[in-house]
């Protein structure tokens, strides 16, 4: 049955000619009853090609190209070649999404290809803008990848820290010491993190030691900020736990439990304060209604700006 449906779709795409003038709107509903269309096509004598819908991306070295790794169609939008992943499914509209991999276009099962392509072209300005923003963001994030070795740098509370392997000190049970150099040279981080590790430590050993230190700092600083904002909001938090969630910076439960992503410690204190105030505000309003945001605003008036900064800056590449 699935094979028959695919052959029918291929046949429909082959004999659904593009109109001589561009359609005035992006209609995504079939204009001809599928059974009637099939009867009409049955009178044709031209055999359909093996995979008419594939229109496969052929690669190339165009620097202005945006290529999805699972691309099955491509179009030239202005000066850029956009190879996108094309999907059909149970939906009523043609949809677009731009992510790390590139553009994904989703269409109803019976939308003809010329309408899909026309919709992509109509949306070209938005698509190119989002693709360029995504590429720039990935380039920026890649440039922040941490090399786990002596002399590496990483952000701590929004400021670069120079990592120094110092095997001559064990630093008691802490394993590290953060030092501030008031007379640091221009372009050299003011802060240095001295780790009690051998110069021959592996990248994994260095990364794990730094992570342990950062998590201790996270627990300490998050606790301080929770205690700072809770009285202002008239709430009480009961328990703090550190999270390593892939998509959430924090969460709050009605019993007063707070979870915060430990890698928030990379950001400036003002950004951390926004996330802390956000979660504490949920102890008063357990949704994201206007009342909730009004509550956040009482203690962090510029929360919108900090929220955008949290989204745009992103985390350094850890591995």
C-alpha atoms as a PDB file:
ATOM      1  CA  UNK A   1       0.000   0.000   0.000  1.00  0.00           C
ATOM      2  CA  UNK A   2       2.821   2.420   0.897  1.00  0.00           C
ATOM      3  CA  UNK A   3       4.514   1.691  -2.428  1.00  0.00           C
ATOM      4  CA  UNK A   4       1.300   2.408  -4.345  1.00  0.00           C
ATOM      5  CA  UNK A   5       0.884   5.701  -2.482  1.00  0.00           C
ATOM      6  CA  UNK A   6       4.433   6.777  -3.351  1.00  0.00           C
ATOM      7  CA  UNK A   7       3.973   5.872  -7.014  1.00  0.00           C
ATOM      8  CA  UNK A   8       0.720   7.837  -7.054  1.00  0.00           C
ATOM      9  CA  UNK A   9       2.456  10.870  -5.481  1.00  0.00           C
ATOM     10  CA  UNK A  10       5.287  10.693  -8.010  1.00  0.00           C
ATOM     11  CA  UNK A  11       2.756  10.559 -10.844  1.00  0.00           C
ATOM     12  CA  UNK A  12       0.805  13.490  -9.426  1.00  0.00           C
ATOM     13  CA  UNK A  13       3.947  15.617  -9.192  1.00  0.00           C
ATOM     14  CA  UNK A  14       4.946  14.753 -12.757  1.00  0.00           C
ATOM     15  CA  UNK A  15       1.650  15.784 -14.339  1.00  0.00           C
ATOM     16  CA  UNK A  16       0.815  18.721 -12.087  1.00  0.00           C
ATOM     17  CA  UNK A  17       2.206  21.488 -14.298  1.00  0.00           C
ATOM     18  CA  UNK A  18       3.304  24.778 -12.832  1.00  0.00           C
ATOM     19  CA  UNK A  19       0.923  27.587 -13.803  1.00  0.00           C
ATOM     20  CA  UNK A  20       2.173  30.202 -16.256  1.00  0.00           C
ATOM     21  CA  UNK A  21       1.856  32.921 -13.623  1.00  0.00           C
ATOM     22  CA  UNK A  22       2.778  32.629  -9.992  1.00  0.00           C
ATOM     23  CA  UNK A  23      -0.161  31.826  -7.700  1.00  0.00           C
ATOM     24  CA  UNK A  24      -1.448  34.802  -5.748  1.00  0.00           C
ATOM     25  CA  UNK A  25      -1.457  32.915  -2.466  1.00  0.00           C
ATOM     26  CA  UNK A  26       0.177  29.846  -0.982  1.00  0.00           C
ATOM     27  CA  UNK A  27      -2.695  27.423  -1.200  1.00  0.00           C
ATOM     28  CA  UNK A  28      -1.761  24.153   0.396  1.00  0.00           C
ATOM     29  CA  UNK A  29      -4.992  22.278  -0.253  1.00  0.00           C
ATOM     30  CA  UNK A  30      -5.433  20.040  -3.282  1.00  0.00           C
ATOM     31  CA  UNK A  31      -7.576  21.723  -5.930  1.00  0.00           C
ATOM     32  CA  UNK A  32      -8.531  18.532  -7.679  1.00  0.00           C
ATOM     33  CA  UNK A  33     -10.130  15.535  -6.124  1.00  0.00           C
ATOM     34  CA  UNK A  34      -7.462  12.841  -5.886  1.00  0.00           C
ATOM     35  CA  UNK A  35      -9.619  10.156  -7.495  1.00  0.00           C
ATOM     36  CA  UNK A  36     -10.582  12.393 -10.451  1.00  0.00           C
ATOM     37  CA  UNK A  37      -7.002  13.447 -10.962  1.00  0.00           C
ATOM     38  CA  UNK A  38      -5.926   9.840 -11.004  1.00  0.00           C
ATOM     39  CA  UNK A  39      -8.463   8.970 -13.716  1.00  0.00           C
ATOM     40  CA  UNK A  40      -7.233  11.842 -15.852  1.00  0.00           C
ATOM     41  CA  UNK A  41      -3.609  10.812 -15.480  1.00  0.00           C
ATOM     42  CA  UNK A  42      -4.455   7.237 -16.421  1.00  0.00           C
ATOM     43  CA  UNK A  43      -5.147   8.446 -19.972  1.00  0.00           C
ATOM     44  CA  UNK A  44      -1.611   9.789 -20.339  1.00  0.00           C
ATOM     45  CA  UNK A  45       0.957   7.701 -22.170  1.00  0.00           C
ATOM     46  CA  UNK A  46       4.135   9.249 -20.731  1.00  0.00           C
ATOM     47  CA  UNK A  47       5.740   7.043 -18.100  1.00  0.00           C
ATOM     48  CA  UNK A  48       6.839   8.727 -14.863  1.00  0.00           C
ATOM     49  CA  UNK A  49      10.534   8.737 -13.954  1.00  0.00           C
ATOM     50  CA  UNK A  50      11.733   6.539 -11.107  1.00  0.00           C
ATOM     51  CA  UNK A  51      11.892   9.254  -8.427  1.00  0.00           C
ATOM     52  CA  UNK A  52      10.429  12.517  -9.742  1.00  0.00           C
ATOM     53  CA  UNK A  53      10.143  14.139  -6.318  1.00  0.00           C
ATOM     54  CA  UNK A  54      13.724  13.575  -5.246  1.00  0.00           C
ATOM     55  CA  UNK A  55      15.235  16.511  -7.198  1.00  0.00           C
ATOM     56  CA  UNK A  56      18.303  15.645  -5.191  1.00  0.00           C
ATOM     57  CA  UNK A  57      20.818  18.141  -3.909  1.00  0.00           C
ATOM     58  CA  UNK A  58      23.900  17.770  -6.035  1.00  0.00           C
ATOM     59  CA  UNK A  59      26.420  19.354  -3.704  1.00  0.00           C
ATOM     60  CA  UNK A  60      28.901  21.882  -5.011  1.00  0.00           C
ATOM     61  CA  UNK A  61      31.362  24.302  -3.476  1.00  0.00           C
ATOM     62  CA  UNK A  62      29.303  27.504  -3.536  1.00  0.00           C
ATOM     63  CA  UNK A  63      30.313  29.424  -0.399  1.00  0.00           C
ATOM     64  CA  UNK A  64      26.890  31.060  -0.282  1.00  0.00           C
ATOM     65  CA  UNK A  65      25.143  27.678  -0.150  1.00  0.00           C
ATOM     66  CA  UNK A  66      23.172  26.429   2.826  1.00  0.00           C
ATOM     67  CA  UNK A  67      22.927  22.653   2.782  1.00  0.00           C
ATOM     68  CA  UNK A  68      20.932  20.478   5.137  1.00  0.00           C
ATOM     69  CA  UNK A  69      22.638  17.088   5.682  1.00  0.00           C
ATOM     70  CA  UNK A  70      19.385  15.329   4.725  1.00  0.00           C
ATOM     71  CA  UNK A  71      18.549  17.659   1.843  1.00  0.00           C
ATOM     72  CA  UNK A  72      16.276  16.241  -0.860  1.00  0.00           C
ATOM     73  CA  UNK A  73      15.432  19.443  -2.758  1.00  0.00           C
ATOM     74  CA  UNK A  74      17.277  22.629  -3.592  1.00  0.00           C
ATOM     75  CA  UNK A  75      16.367  26.093  -4.819  1.00  0.00           C
ATOM     76  CA  UNK A  76      18.364  29.199  -5.594  1.00  0.00           C
ATOM     77  CA  UNK A  77      17.097  32.093  -3.504  1.00  0.00           C
ATOM     78  CA  UNK A  78      18.752  35.249  -4.754  1.00  0.00           C
ATOM     79  CA  UNK A  79      22.493  34.602  -4.727  1.00  0.00           C
ATOM     80  CA  UNK A  80      22.273  31.663  -2.323  1.00  0.00           C
ATOM     81  CA  UNK A  81      21.700  28.001  -3.076  1.00  0.00           C
ATOM     82  CA  UNK A  82      19.480  26.468  -0.403  1.00  0.00           C
ATOM     83  CA  UNK A  83      19.335  22.677  -0.196  1.00  0.00           C
ATOM     84  CA  UNK A  84      16.632  21.735   2.276  1.00  0.00           C
ATOM     85  CA  UNK A  85      15.080  18.683   3.854  1.00  0.00           C
ATOM     86  CA  UNK A  86      11.592  18.172   2.444  1.00  0.00           C
ATOM     87  CA  UNK A  87       8.922  16.267   4.362  1.00  0.00           C
ATOM     88  CA  UNK A  88       5.309  15.366   3.719  1.00  0.00           C
ATOM     89  CA  UNK A  89       2.885  14.616   6.487  1.00  0.00           C
ATOM     90  CA  UNK A  90      -0.549  15.028   7.985  1.00  0.00           C
ATOM     91  CA  UNK A  91      -0.663  18.801   8.115  1.00  0.00           C
ATOM     92  CA  UNK A  92      -2.757  21.567   6.585  1.00  0.00           C
ATOM     93  CA  UNK A  93      -0.133  24.202   5.852  1.00  0.00           C
ATOM     94  CA  UNK A  94       3.349  24.438   4.429  1.00  0.00           C
ATOM     95  CA  UNK A  95       5.739  24.966   7.326  1.00  0.00           C
ATOM     96  CA  UNK A  96       9.327  26.175   7.622  1.00  0.00           C
ATOM     97  CA  UNK A  97      11.887  25.689  10.365  1.00  0.00           C
ATOM     98  CA  UNK A  98      15.548  26.655  10.523  1.00  0.00           C
ATOM     99  CA  UNK A  99      17.831  24.853  12.942  1.00  0.00           C
ATOM    100  CA  UNK A 100      21.462  23.930  13.357  1.00  0.00           C
ATOM    101  CA  UNK A 101      21.360  21.637  10.305  1.00  0.00           C
ATOM    102  CA  UNK A 102      19.575  24.101   8.033  1.00  0.00           C
ATOM    103  CA  UNK A 103      16.134  24.535   6.483  1.00  0.00           C
ATOM    104  CA  UNK A 104      13.332  21.978   6.841  1.00  0.00           C
ATOM    105  CA  UNK A 105      10.162  22.385   4.762  1.00  0.00           C
ATOM    106  CA  UNK A 106       7.069  20.371   5.673  1.00  0.00           C
ATOM    107  CA  UNK A 107       4.029  20.126   3.407  1.00  0.00           C
ATOM    108  CA  UNK A 108       0.674  18.345   3.269  1.00  0.00           C
ATOM    109  CA  UNK A 109       0.683  15.031   1.445  1.00  0.00           C
ATOM    110  CA  UNK A 110      -1.150  16.365  -1.616  1.00  0.00           C
ATOM    111  CA  UNK A 111       0.498  19.758  -2.052  1.00  0.00           C
ATOM    112  CA  UNK A 112       2.032  19.910  -5.572  1.00  0.00           C
ATOM    113  CA  UNK A 113       5.723  20.632  -5.726  1.00  0.00           C
ATOM    114  CA  UNK A 114       5.322  23.887  -7.631  1.00  0.00           C
ATOM    115  CA  UNK A 115       3.293  25.270  -4.704  1.00  0.00           C
ATOM    116  CA  UNK A 116       5.953  24.127  -2.244  1.00  0.00           C
ATOM    117  CA  UNK A 117       8.709  25.797  -4.267  1.00  0.00           C
ATOM    118  CA  UNK A 118       6.616  28.953  -4.672  1.00  0.00           C
ATOM    119  CA  UNK A 119       6.082  29.071  -0.897  1.00  0.00           C
ATOM    120  CA  UNK A 120       9.813  28.728  -0.283  1.00  0.00           C
ATOM    121  CA  UNK A 121      10.558  31.572  -2.706  1.00  0.00           C
ATOM    122  CA  UNK A 122       7.870  33.745  -1.136  1.00  0.00           C
ATOM    123  CA  UNK A 123       9.461  33.188   2.260  1.00  0.00           C
ATOM    124  CA  UNK A 124      13.004  33.610   0.923  1.00  0.00           C
ATOM    125  CA  UNK A 125      13.877  36.802   2.838  1.00  0.00           C
ATOM    126  CA  UNK A 126      12.963  35.227   6.171  1.00  0.00           C
ATOM    127  CA  UNK A 127      14.654  31.931   5.306  1.00  0.00           C
ATOM    128  CA  UNK A 128      17.938  33.538   4.255  1.00  0.00           C
ATOM    129  CA  UNK A 129      17.969  35.759   7.320  1.00  0.00           C
ATOM    130  CA  UNK A 130      17.462  32.828   9.678  1.00  0.00           C
ATOM    131  CA  UNK A 131      19.990  30.636   7.874  1.00  0.00           C
ATOM    132  CA  UNK A 132      22.611  33.372   8.054  1.00  0.00           C
ATOM    133  CA  UNK A 133      21.903  33.994  11.743  1.00  0.00           C
ATOM    134  CA  UNK A 134      22.169  30.272  12.455  1.00  0.00           C
ATOM    135  CA  UNK A 135      25.470  30.007  10.580  1.00  0.00           C
ATOM    136  CA  UNK A 136      26.918  33.010  12.403  1.00  0.00           C
ATOM    137  CA  UNK A 137      25.817  31.627  15.756  1.00  0.00           C
ATOM    138  CA  UNK A 138      27.392  28.226  15.051  1.00  0.00           C
ATOM    139  CA  UNK A 139      30.616  29.901  13.949  1.00  0.00           C
ATOM    140  CA  UNK A 140      30.637  31.976  17.113  1.00  0.00           C
ATOM    141  CA  UNK A 141      29.985  28.944  19.317  1.00  0.00           C
ATOM    142  CA  UNK A 142      32.645  26.893  17.567  1.00  0.00           C
ATOM    143  CA  UNK A 143      35.159  29.649  18.275  1.00  0.00           C
ATOM    144  CA  UNK A 144      34.402  29.242  21.997  1.00  0.00           C
ATOM    145  CA  UNK A 145      35.324  25.553  22.092  1.00  0.00           C
ATOM    146  CA  UNK A 146      37.528  24.953  25.141  1.00  0.00           C
ATOM    147  CA  UNK A 147      40.830  23.139  24.622  1.00  0.00           C
ATOM    148  CA  UNK A 148      41.522  21.307  27.839  1.00  0.00           C
ATOM    149  CA  UNK A 149      45.202  22.054  28.347  1.00  0.00           C
ATOM    150  CA  UNK A 150      47.485  24.380  30.263  1.00  0.00           C
ATOM    151  CA  UNK A 151      46.829  27.947  29.109  1.00  0.00           C
ATOM    152  CA  UNK A 152      43.229  27.349  28.033  1.00  0.00           C
ATOM    153  CA  UNK A 153      40.619  30.010  28.708  1.00  0.00           C
ATOM    154  CA  UNK A 154      37.016  29.628  29.805  1.00  0.00           C
ATOM    155  CA  UNK A 155      34.340  32.077  30.950  1.00  0.00           C
ATOM    156  CA  UNK A 156      33.494  32.415  34.637  1.00  0.00           C
ATOM    157  CA  UNK A 157      30.799  34.907  35.655  1.00  0.00           C
ATOM    158  CA  UNK A 158      31.132  36.503  32.227  1.00  0.00           C
ATOM    159  CA  UNK A 159      34.888  37.042  32.471  1.00  0.00           C
ATOM    160  CA  UNK A 160      37.651  34.996  30.778  1.00  0.00           C
ATOM    161  CA  UNK A 161      39.752  32.863  33.104  1.00  0.00           C
ATOM    162  CA  UNK A 162      43.210  31.517  32.247  1.00  0.00           C
ATOM    163  CA  UNK A 163      43.719  27.881  33.226  1.00  0.00           C
ATOM    164  CA  UNK A 164      47.087  27.096  34.847  1.00  0.00           C
ATOM    165  CA  UNK A 165      48.201  23.560  35.711  1.00  0.00           C
ATOM    166  CA  UNK A 166      50.161  23.863  38.950  1.00  0.00           C
ATOM    167  CA  UNK A 167      51.253  20.454  40.295  1.00  0.00           C
ATOM    168  CA  UNK A 168      53.276  22.029  43.135  1.00  0.00           C
ATOM    169  CA  UNK A 169      50.120  22.785  45.113  1.00  0.00           C
ATOM    170  CA  UNK A 170      47.283  20.497  46.105  1.00  0.00           C
ATOM    171  CA  UNK A 171      45.104  23.411  47.306  1.00  0.00           C
ATOM    172  CA  UNK A 172      43.888  21.231  50.158  1.00  0.00           C
ATOM    173  CA  UNK A 173      40.580  19.550  49.366  1.00  0.00           C
ATOM    174  CA  UNK A 174      39.490  22.237  46.933  1.00  0.00           C
ATOM    175  CA  UNK A 175      41.891  21.246  44.162  1.00  0.00           C
ATOM    176  CA  UNK A 176      41.993  24.739  42.634  1.00  0.00           C
ATOM    177  CA  UNK A 177      42.463  28.392  43.459  1.00  0.00           C
ATOM    178  CA  UNK A 178      41.187  31.422  41.568  1.00  0.00           C
ATOM    179  CA  UNK A 179      43.632  34.309  41.549  1.00  0.00           C
ATOM    180  CA  UNK A 180      43.191  37.885  40.376  1.00  0.00           C
ATOM    181  CA  UNK A 181      46.048  39.716  38.683  1.00  0.00           C
ATOM    182  CA  UNK A 182      45.589  43.457  39.075  1.00  0.00           C
ATOM    183  CA  UNK A 183      48.514  44.173  36.734  1.00  0.00           C
ATOM    184  CA  UNK A 184      47.580  41.806  33.908  1.00  0.00           C
ATOM    185  CA  UNK A 185      48.880  42.745  30.469  1.00  0.00           C
ATOM    186  CA  UNK A 186      46.400  44.008  27.839  1.00  0.00           C
ATOM    187  CA  UNK A 187      44.637  41.097  26.197  1.00  0.00           C
ATOM    188  CA  UNK A 188      45.606  38.693  29.005  1.00  0.00           C
ATOM    189  CA  UNK A 189      42.815  37.471  31.336  1.00  0.00           C
ATOM    190  CA  UNK A 190      42.814  39.140  34.730  1.00  0.00           C
ATOM    191  CA  UNK A 191      41.754  35.914  36.437  1.00  0.00           C
ATOM    192  CA  UNK A 192      43.784  32.708  36.586  1.00  0.00           C
ATOM    193  CA  UNK A 193      42.529  29.353  37.809  1.00  0.00           C
ATOM    194  CA  UNK A 194      45.370  27.292  39.271  1.00  0.00           C
ATOM    195  CA  UNK A 195      44.623  23.563  39.210  1.00  0.00           C
ATOM    196  CA  UNK A 196      46.599  21.053  41.252  1.00  0.00           C
ATOM    197  CA  UNK A 197      47.244  18.866  38.225  1.00  0.00           C
ATOM    198  CA  UNK A 198      50.324  17.524  36.469  1.00  0.00           C
ATOM    199  CA  UNK A 199      51.467  19.121  33.226  1.00  0.00           C
ATOM    200  CA  UNK A 200      50.911  15.674  31.706  1.00  0.00           C
ATOM    201  CA  UNK A 201      47.239  15.482  32.747  1.00  0.00           C
ATOM    202  CA  UNK A 202      44.915  14.313  29.981  1.00  0.00           C
ATOM    203  CA  UNK A 203      42.252  16.630  28.547  1.00  0.00           C
ATOM    204  CA  UNK A 204      39.594  14.496  30.247  1.00  0.00           C
ATOM    205  CA  UNK A 205      41.294  14.841  33.652  1.00  0.00           C
ATOM    206  CA  UNK A 206      41.596  18.600  33.237  1.00  0.00           C
ATOM    207  CA  UNK A 207      37.979  18.955  32.085  1.00  0.00           C
ATOM    208  CA  UNK A 208      36.644  16.865  34.977  1.00  0.00           C
ATOM    209  CA  UNK A 209      38.675  18.813  37.553  1.00  0.00           C
ATOM    210  CA  UNK A 210      37.503  22.155  36.169  1.00  0.00           C
ATOM    211  CA  UNK A 211      33.910  20.939  36.071  1.00  0.00           C
ATOM    212  CA  UNK A 212      34.065  19.874  39.725  1.00  0.00           C
ATOM    213  CA  UNK A 213      35.373  23.321  40.706  1.00  0.00           C
ATOM    214  CA  UNK A 214      32.755  25.140  38.619  1.00  0.00           C
ATOM    215  CA  UNK A 215      29.938  23.072  40.112  1.00  0.00           C
ATOM    216  CA  UNK A 216      31.072  23.973  43.616  1.00  0.00           C
ATOM    217  CA  UNK A 217      31.091  27.644  42.638  1.00  0.00           C
ATOM    218  CA  UNK A 218      27.652  27.260  41.066  1.00  0.00           C
ATOM    219  CA  UNK A 219      26.139  25.794  44.219  1.00  0.00           C
ATOM    220  CA  UNK A 220      27.634  28.556  46.355  1.00  0.00           C
ATOM    221  CA  UNK A 221      26.673  31.487  44.128  1.00  0.00           C
ATOM    222  CA  UNK A 222      23.191  30.171  43.255  1.00  0.00           C
ATOM    223  CA  UNK A 223      22.454  29.745  46.958  1.00  0.00           C
ATOM    224  CA  UNK A 224      23.529  33.325  47.641  1.00  0.00           C
ATOM    225  CA  UNK A 225      21.308  34.702  44.856  1.00  0.00           C
ATOM    226  CA  UNK A 226      18.310  32.600  45.905  1.00  0.00           C
ATOM    227  CA  UNK A 227      18.641  33.944  49.432  1.00  0.00           C
ATOM    228  CA  UNK A 228      18.927  37.480  48.020  1.00  0.00           C
ATOM    229  CA  UNK A 229      15.765  37.422  45.876  1.00  0.00           C
ATOM    230  CA  UNK A 230      13.440  35.124  47.859  1.00  0.00           C
ATOM    231  CA  UNK A 231      12.601  37.717  50.573  1.00  0.00           C
ATOM    232  CA  UNK A 232      12.005  40.389  47.929  1.00  0.00           C
ATOM    233  CA  UNK A 233       9.499  38.127  46.193  1.00  0.00           C
ATOM    234  CA  UNK A 234       7.927  36.951  49.438  1.00  0.00           C
ATOM    235  CA  UNK A 235       8.648  33.263  48.781  1.00  0.00           C
ATOM    236  CA  UNK A 236      10.667  30.502  50.435  1.00  0.00           C
ATOM    237  CA  UNK A 237      12.742  27.980  48.558  1.00  0.00           C
ATOM    238  CA  UNK A 238      13.483  24.628  50.181  1.00  0.00           C
ATOM    239  CA  UNK A 239      16.073  22.771  48.138  1.00  0.00           C
ATOM    240  CA  UNK A 240      18.561  23.573  45.360  1.00  0.00           C
ATOM    241  CA  UNK A 241      19.860  20.961  42.943  1.00  0.00           C
ATOM    242  CA  UNK A 242      22.178  21.419  39.985  1.00  0.00           C
ATOM    243  CA  UNK A 243      20.968  20.399  36.555  1.00  0.00           C
ATOM    244  CA  UNK A 244      22.714  19.395  33.348  1.00  0.00           C
ATOM    245  CA  UNK A 245      19.553  19.445  31.231  1.00  0.00           C
ATOM    246  CA  UNK A 246      19.965  19.940  27.516  1.00  0.00           C
ATOM    247  CA  UNK A 247      17.154  22.432  26.952  1.00  0.00           C
ATOM    248  CA  UNK A 248      16.265  24.105  30.263  1.00  0.00           C
ATOM    249  CA  UNK A 249      18.134  26.623  32.374  1.00  0.00           C
ATOM    250  CA  UNK A 250      16.041  25.970  35.423  1.00  0.00           C
ATOM    251  CA  UNK A 251      12.797  24.725  36.918  1.00  0.00           C
ATOM    252  CA  UNK A 252      10.754  25.193  40.061  1.00  0.00           C
ATOM    253  CA  UNK A 253       8.191  23.055  41.892  1.00  0.00           C
ATOM    254  CA  UNK A 254       5.406  24.176  44.161  1.00  0.00           C
ATOM    255  CA  UNK A 255       7.118  22.469  47.125  1.00  0.00           C
ATOM    256  CA  UNK A 256       9.961  24.990  46.877  1.00  0.00           C
ATOM    257  CA  UNK A 257      12.439  22.784  45.015  1.00  0.00           C
ATOM    258  CA  UNK A 258      14.647  24.713  42.591  1.00  0.00           C
ATOM    259  CA  UNK A 259      16.827  23.250  39.837  1.00  0.00           C
ATOM    260  CA  UNK A 260      19.398  25.392  38.035  1.00  0.00           C
ATOM    261  CA  UNK A 261      21.784  24.454  35.239  1.00  0.00           C
ATOM    262  CA  UNK A 262      25.278  24.530  36.746  1.00  0.00           C
ATOM    263  CA  UNK A 263      26.792  25.970  33.555  1.00  0.00           C
ATOM    264  CA  UNK A 264      24.942  29.232  34.157  1.00  0.00           C
ATOM    265  CA  UNK A 265      28.142  30.012  36.061  1.00  0.00           C
ATOM    266  CA  UNK A 266      29.700  30.959  32.695  1.00  0.00           C
ATOM    267  CA  UNK A 267      27.381  33.997  32.409  1.00  0.00           C
ATOM    268  CA  UNK A 268      27.484  37.391  34.066  1.00  0.00           C
ATOM    269  CA  UNK A 269      25.919  37.635  37.492  1.00  0.00           C
ATOM    270  CA  UNK A 270      23.078  39.775  36.088  1.00  0.00           C
ATOM    271  CA  UNK A 271      22.059  36.920  33.759  1.00  0.00           C
ATOM    272  CA  UNK A 272      22.216  34.420  36.625  1.00  0.00           C
ATOM    273  CA  UNK A 273      20.041  36.768  38.665  1.00  0.00           C
ATOM    274  CA  UNK A 274      17.417  36.778  35.908  1.00  0.00           C
ATOM    275  CA  UNK A 275      17.221  32.964  35.879  1.00  0.00           C
ATOM    276  CA  UNK A 276      17.134  32.782  39.687  1.00  0.00           C
ATOM    277  CA  UNK A 277      14.376  35.423  39.876  1.00  0.00           C
ATOM    278  CA  UNK A 278      12.500  33.633  37.076  1.00  0.00           C
ATOM    279  CA  UNK A 279      12.386  30.365  38.984  1.00  0.00           C
ATOM    280  CA  UNK A 280      11.570  31.965  42.318  1.00  0.00           C
ATOM    281  CA  UNK A 281       8.708  33.864  40.664  1.00  0.00           C
ATOM    282  CA  UNK A 282       7.210  30.508  39.736  1.00  0.00           C
ATOM    283  CA  UNK A 283       6.717  29.853  43.431  1.00  0.00           C
ATOM    284  CA  UNK A 284       4.116  32.639  43.250  1.00  0.00           C
ATOM    285  CA  UNK A 285       2.797  32.152  39.711  1.00  0.00           C
ATOM    286  CA  UNK A 286       3.188  28.688  38.190  1.00  0.00           C
ATOM    287  CA  UNK A 287       2.793  29.755  34.558  1.00  0.00           C
ATOM    288  CA  UNK A 288       4.097  32.353  32.108  1.00  0.00           C
ATOM    289  CA  UNK A 289       1.104  34.664  32.190  1.00  0.00           C
ATOM    290  CA  UNK A 290       1.424  38.480  32.185  1.00  0.00           C
ATOM    291  CA  UNK A 291       1.111  38.301  35.974  1.00  0.00           C
ATOM    292  CA  UNK A 292       4.197  36.086  36.103  1.00  0.00           C
ATOM    293  CA  UNK A 293       6.321  38.480  34.052  1.00  0.00           C
ATOM    294  CA  UNK A 294       5.096  41.391  36.150  1.00  0.00           C
ATOM    295  CA  UNK A 295       6.371  39.466  39.179  1.00  0.00           C
ATOM    296  CA  UNK A 296       9.802  38.962  37.604  1.00  0.00           C
ATOM    297  CA  UNK A 297       9.936  42.647  36.679  1.00  0.00           C
ATOM    298  CA  UNK A 298       9.567  43.723  40.311  1.00  0.00           C
ATOM    299  CA  UNK A 299      13.067  42.410  41.099  1.00  0.00           C
ATOM    300  CA  UNK A 300      14.719  42.331  37.645  1.00  0.00           C
ATOM    301  CA  UNK A 301      13.342  45.294  35.648  1.00  0.00           C
ATOM    302  CA  UNK A 302      15.526  44.584  32.590  1.00  0.00           C
ATOM    303  CA  UNK A 303      14.644  40.873  32.447  1.00  0.00           C
ATOM    304  CA  UNK A 304      13.738  41.047  28.729  1.00  0.00           C
ATOM    305  CA  UNK A 305      17.209  42.235  27.769  1.00  0.00           C
ATOM    306  CA  UNK A 306      18.872  39.630  30.001  1.00  0.00           C
ATOM    307  CA  UNK A 307      16.619  36.926  28.597  1.00  0.00           C
ATOM    308  CA  UNK A 308      17.742  37.813  25.070  1.00  0.00           C
ATOM    309  CA  UNK A 309      21.379  37.855  26.163  1.00  0.00           C
ATOM    310  CA  UNK A 310      21.012  34.389  27.673  1.00  0.00           C
ATOM    311  CA  UNK A 311      19.609  33.110  24.407  1.00  0.00           C
ATOM    312  CA  UNK A 312      22.094  34.825  22.099  1.00  0.00           C
ATOM    313  CA  UNK A 313      25.364  34.311  23.952  1.00  0.00           C
ATOM    314  CA  UNK A 314      25.086  30.565  24.349  1.00  0.00           C
ATOM    315  CA  UNK A 315      27.488  28.261  26.161  1.00  0.00           C
ATOM    316  CA  UNK A 316      31.096  27.601  25.176  1.00  0.00           C
ATOM    317  CA  UNK A 317      31.742  24.268  23.497  1.00  0.00           C
ATOM    318  CA  UNK A 318      32.621  21.967  26.365  1.00  0.00           C
ATOM    319  CA  UNK A 319      33.805  18.822  24.539  1.00  0.00           C
END
